C-alpha atoms as a PDB file:
ATOM      1  CA  MET A   1     -45.390 -26.605  43.342  1.00  0.00           C
ATOM      2  CA  GLU A   2     -45.056 -30.373  43.508  1.00  0.00           C
ATOM      3  CA  THR A   3     -45.784 -30.405  47.240  1.00  0.00           C
ATOM      4  CA  SER A   4     -49.073 -28.569  46.814  1.00  0.00           C
ATOM      5  CA  VAL A   5     -50.224 -31.113  44.209  1.00  0.00           C
ATOM      6  CA  ILE A   6     -49.443 -33.966  46.603  1.00  0.00           C
ATOM      7  CA  LEU A   7     -51.202 -32.210  49.488  1.00  0.00           C
ATOM      8  CA  ASN A   8     -54.259 -31.467  47.349  1.00  0.00           C
ATOM      9  CA  THR A   9     -54.401 -35.098  46.236  1.00  0.00           C
ATOM     10  CA  LEU A  10     -54.125 -36.349  49.818  1.00  0.00           C
ATOM     11  CA  PHE A  11     -56.796 -33.898  50.942  1.00  0.00           C
ATOM     12  CA  LEU A  12     -59.191 -35.058  48.237  1.00  0.00           C
ATOM     13  CA  LEU A  13     -58.467 -38.693  49.065  1.00  0.00           C
ATOM     14  CA  ALA A  14     -59.192 -38.030  52.748  1.00  0.00           C
ATOM     15  CA  LEU A  15     -62.419 -36.264  51.815  1.00  0.00           C
ATOM     16  CA  VAL A  16     -63.541 -39.158  49.605  1.00  0.00           C
ATOM     17  CA  LEU A  17     -62.738 -41.681  52.339  1.00  0.00           C
ATOM     18  CA  LEU A  18     -64.692 -39.611  54.857  1.00  0.00           C
ATOM     19  CA  VAL A  19     -67.737 -39.593  52.586  1.00  0.00           C
ATOM     20  CA  VAL A  20     -67.465 -43.340  51.888  1.00  0.00           C
ATOM     21  CA  VAL A  21     -67.110 -44.286  55.556  1.00  0.00           C
ATOM     22  CA  SER A  22     -69.938 -41.949  56.606  1.00  0.00           C
ATOM     23  CA  GLY A  23     -72.163 -43.405  53.898  1.00  0.00           C
ATOM     24  CA  GLY A  24     -71.350 -46.925  55.062  1.00  0.00           C
ATOM     25  CA  VAL A  25     -72.216 -46.096  58.657  1.00  0.00           C
ATOM     26  CA  LEU A  26     -75.477 -44.491  57.556  1.00  0.00           C
ATOM     27  CA  TYR A  27     -76.320 -47.545  55.427  1.00  0.00           C
ATOM     28  CA  LEU A  28     -75.616 -50.007  58.254  1.00  0.00           C
ATOM     29  CA  THR A  29     -77.600 -47.914  60.737  1.00  0.00           C
ATOM     30  CA  THR A  30     -80.585 -47.802  58.382  1.00  0.00           C
ATOM     31  CA  ILE A  31     -80.468 -51.548  57.749  1.00  0.00           C
ATOM     32  CA  GLU A  32     -80.248 -52.301  61.481  1.00  0.00           C
ATOM     33  CA  TRP A  33     -83.173 -49.960  62.246  1.00  0.00           C
ATOM     34  CA  ARG A  34     -85.297 -51.559  59.528  1.00  0.00           C
ATOM     35  CA  ASP A  35     -84.450 -55.076  60.730  1.00  0.00           C
ATOM     36  CA  ARG A  36     -85.251 -54.215  64.342  1.00  0.00           C
ATOM     37  CA  ARG A  37     -88.589 -52.724  63.247  1.00  0.00           C
ATOM     38  CA  ARG A  38     -89.466 -55.910  61.341  1.00  0.00           C
ATOM     39  CA  GLN A  39     -88.571 -58.079  64.337  1.00  0.00           C
ATOM     40  CA  ASP A  40     -90.775 -55.968  66.604  1.00  0.00           C
ATOM     41  CA  GLN A  41     -93.666 -56.309  64.148  1.00  0.00           C
ATOM     42  CA  ASP A  42     -93.172 -60.093  64.042  1.00  0.00           C
ATOM     43  CA  LYS A  43     -93.235 -60.248  67.850  1.00  0.00           C
ATOM     44  CA  ARG A  44     -96.488 -58.259  67.954  1.00  0.00           C
ATOM     45  CA  ILE A  45     -98.088 -60.526  65.351  1.00  0.00           C
ATOM     46  CA  LYS A  46     -97.074 -63.666  67.269  1.00  0.00           C
ATOM     47  CA  LYS A  47     -98.423 -62.233  70.527  1.00  0.00           C
ATOM     48  CA  SER A  48    -101.770 -61.375  68.936  1.00  0.00           C
ATOM     49  CA  LYS A  49    -102.078 -64.874  67.423  1.00  0.00           C
ATOM     50  CA  ASN A  50    -101.407 -66.556  70.784  1.00  0.00           C
ATOM     51  CA  ARG A  51    -104.288 -64.716  72.485  1.00  0.00           C
END
Protein backbone atom coordinates (compact mmCIF):
# COMPACT_ATOMS: atom_id res chain seq x y z
CA MET A 1 0.00 0.00 0.00
CA GLU A 2 2.68 2.47 1.02
CA THR A 3 4.85 1.56 -1.97
CA SER A 4 2.08 2.31 -4.45
CA VAL A 5 1.58 5.78 -2.93
CA ILE A 6 5.29 6.51 -3.29
CA LEU A 7 5.34 5.22 -6.87
CA ASN A 8 2.26 7.25 -7.79
CA THR A 9 3.83 10.37 -6.29
CA LEU A 10 7.09 9.80 -8.18
CA PHE A 11 5.18 9.18 -11.40
CA LEU A 12 3.22 12.41 -11.02
CA LEU A 13 6.40 14.32 -10.20
CA ALA A 14 8.08 12.92 -13.32
CA LEU A 15 5.06 13.87 -15.40
CA VAL A 16 5.05 17.43 -14.04
CA LEU A 17 8.78 17.79 -14.69
CA LEU A 18 8.31 16.51 -18.24
CA VAL A 19 5.62 19.11 -18.89
CA VAL A 20 7.70 21.92 -17.34
CA VAL A 21 10.84 21.06 -19.30
CA SER A 22 8.90 20.64 -22.56
CA GLY A 23 7.20 23.98 -21.99
CA GLY A 24 10.56 25.63 -21.35
CA VAL A 25 12.02 24.22 -24.55
CA LEU A 26 8.98 25.37 -26.51
CA TYR A 27 9.23 28.85 -24.97
CA LEU A 28 12.95 29.19 -25.76
CA THR A 29 12.43 27.93 -29.31
CA THR A 30 9.64 30.46 -29.89
CA ILE A 31 11.70 33.33 -28.50
CA GLU A 32 14.71 32.39 -30.64
CA TRP A 33 12.54 32.13 -33.78
CA ARG A 34 10.96 35.52 -33.10
CA ASP A 35 14.36 37.13 -32.46
CA ARG A 36 15.84 35.66 -35.63
CA ARG A 37 12.84 36.93 -37.62
CA ARG A 38 13.32 40.45 -36.22
CA GLN A 39 17.03 40.40 -37.06
CA ASP A 40 16.27 39.33 -40.63
CA GLN A 41 13.75 42.17 -40.97
CA ASP A 42 16.33 44.66 -39.65
CA LYS A 43 18.88 43.42 -42.19
CA ARG A 44 16.38 43.85 -45.03
CA ILE A 45 15.52 47.37 -43.90
CA LYS A 46 19.20 48.35 -43.71
CA LYS A 47 19.87 46.92 -47.17
CA SER A 48 16.95 48.84 -48.69
CA LYS A 49 18.11 52.10 -47.07
CA ASN A 50 21.66 51.70 -48.43
CA ARG A 51 20.44 51.43 -52.04
